[in-house]
């Protein structure tokens, strides 16, 4: 019986090549999109699950309230927190502190940057990173021990047999020998902690001036491993008591000075929740950046949308073809086939089509995966999908049932007498088919509107006037240790005509820090500041609103503030000559600069202060403006000069425009994903409309012939055939536009600087939808209107 079902199904597929191709192609594209999205979501939700102790590992994080009542959250702690909590709380089995390192390794005469981390010697006991060589208990016992990954061992020593060998690692500006005491398997890609090598963290404590009782100096990540069965809530209460017993007196002094609003509370963040944390605690400091769980939900929704569109195509085309198969169904029923047998036959066809579409989808996924990885910034592999047999089988069954069950139910219910006498018609004027088309078009219109708005917002952020000119600016990063200063670079680079100017700042725009300044006995917390030299403002073409620029490099008692700083300080008159104090050192305001965007446009412009570094080697970023016509020559010169002055450090540089664009990587990625999903949904919808229009016109051949004989023009025929589809488009616009408008309006609220949502966006989506639908069904309508009515009526 089963064999007969599939044989009949195969004959029907080969007999109706056009509609089979539309069904299979549409389903394969839909299934391919779903597979890619399953890969993405599977990778996201599986982060860190490989850790055997994953359920018992927590990160120490903190939240609290600042002096001005602002809520603060963070995941960076000091060196004291984890060991003191372990000492006082018996439920804590072990701890591990993690901090990123400079990552510079000397190889021959060159220096290579790798991903290095400082960790406690308990690292391999807390986390699951198996060693292929070495002992997990003693691998990091000594300060100058180092454990490499397999790939790094092969890179530097040609094989995994690296234990006992030495590497020169840069520590505090000097290269020192480290003994390889272990080789670890490569950390999985879905790991929050990833490294090329790890070293003992005690090497960093002298540099950081760690004090055993310093609870307010923060610079690393702290993890704890709870004992089995330990109560997390109870441990958090004990952490609070420990913190207050050691740091309570200092907190009391802070509250006396800044008010009772201030508080700090340490809590535990489950390690398995770090990657998809909802923006509470930023994963930085060498950890893999967080992702947003909302994006996984959005992608899942898009996958479902596309699958629904593809299934709707199947249902609509199958129902539309039902009249062609009505006699076949009648004969089968007269010959003794039960309704259950007919349902089995049609479900068999559905499964066969789904299997064919599935195989084609696998080919599409293997071809598209490299591009998808590039857009999604992942390293997904098709094998991950093939390992999830349960998911794939479920996908095939779900798709076959979704698309095949209803048509099977309808077709098996035909009256054999009516079908054999040719009197059968689908009841209800095929309202279900029209509803499904409206659903299909609504989804496509919804995604199209979302794509247009995301595209506009992204372009707005990239092209908005930032308050300075970032074009042709190259940031060259100075070494943090043994910084030779920027004067020598300025002198050397100034010799070349294609170097248009050189300035210096202490840190790049994307890495600013905050300070607490005092103005008229009023504290301005978290004020952005940059140490810049006297060339910086002119080189960046920033605008001075009042006052003057720094007159010389020795002008270290003056400062320049932005307009937001003036508002925050509450100065009513001219701020020139006012005094700003930091760390008991007064600075005179000599100029006010127009507000500019030093951070992403996802943040409001904050109060900002510019002053000059006390010493030349306090600047860690060289700001070089180059001639765009001599770009390659300028970069080669910068690299050669850097190599000449700092021979044991790699030259790291970036174009300022690239750095600014990187701030919007997430938005760019989602714009591409939503845009691609929108395009695919429109293509699949058009394929379905094309098939539906073709079948509809075939069923109205006699009507069209009669109308032409009675004098109807070709234009009137085309208008008649296309009008019904245009009505469906209008209904779809009415449904999709408000929903898209509402959701995109909410999405834009996350941006302090955003576009205005105008009606022309809806108009553009409407016009585009109408044009696409007319183009899709128009060709079939024109062909029908040009047909010879004599042939049409004779055949009927």
Foldseek 3Di string as FASTA:
>chain_A
DLVVLLVVLVVVCVVCVQLLCLLLQLLLLLVLLLLLLCLVLVLLLCFQVVWPLQQQKWWKWKWWADLVRDIDIAQWWDPQQQVLLVVQPVQFPWKKWKFWDQQWWDDPLAIDRFTEMAMALCVVVRGPWDFPAADSNCQAVDQQHKEFEQVVCCVRPVGQPQAQHWIFDQDQRGTDIGGYRTYTYADDQSYQAGGGMYHHNVSCCVVQVDDNLDGPRTHIIMMTGGDPPDDQVVSQVVSQVSCCVRCVVVVVVVCVVRNPRTDMGIHIHRNSCQQQPQPRYFSDRSTDTHDHVVVSVVSNVLSVLSLLLSLLLLQLLLVLCLLVCLQVLLVCVVVPDALVNLLSSQLSSLLVSLVSSNVSSLVVNQVCVVVLCVLVVHDGDVVVSVVPVVVVVVVSVVSSCSNRRVSSNVSSPDDSVCSNVSNDDDPPVPVVSLVSLLSLLLSLLLLLLVLVQLVQFLVCQLPPAQQFDLPQKKKWFADPHPGVFCPVVQVQLVVDPQFPHKWFKLDALADWWFAWKAFPNDIDGRATEIAIFQCPCVVRVGAWPDFDTDPHLQQFQAKEKEPQQCVVNVDDDDQAQGWMDGPNRIHGYGTYTYFGDSDGLLDDGHIYMYGHDNDRSSTGIMIIRGRVVCVVVSVVSSQVVCCVVPVHDHIDMDRPSVVRSVNCSVSSSVSVVSVVSSVSSLVSSLSSLLSSLLSVLVVCLLVLLVCVVVPDALVNQLCVSLVVVLVSLVSSLVVNVVVSVVVVVVVQVSGPDGDDDDPVSSVVSSVVSSVSSCVSNVVVSSVSSPDNSVVSNVVD
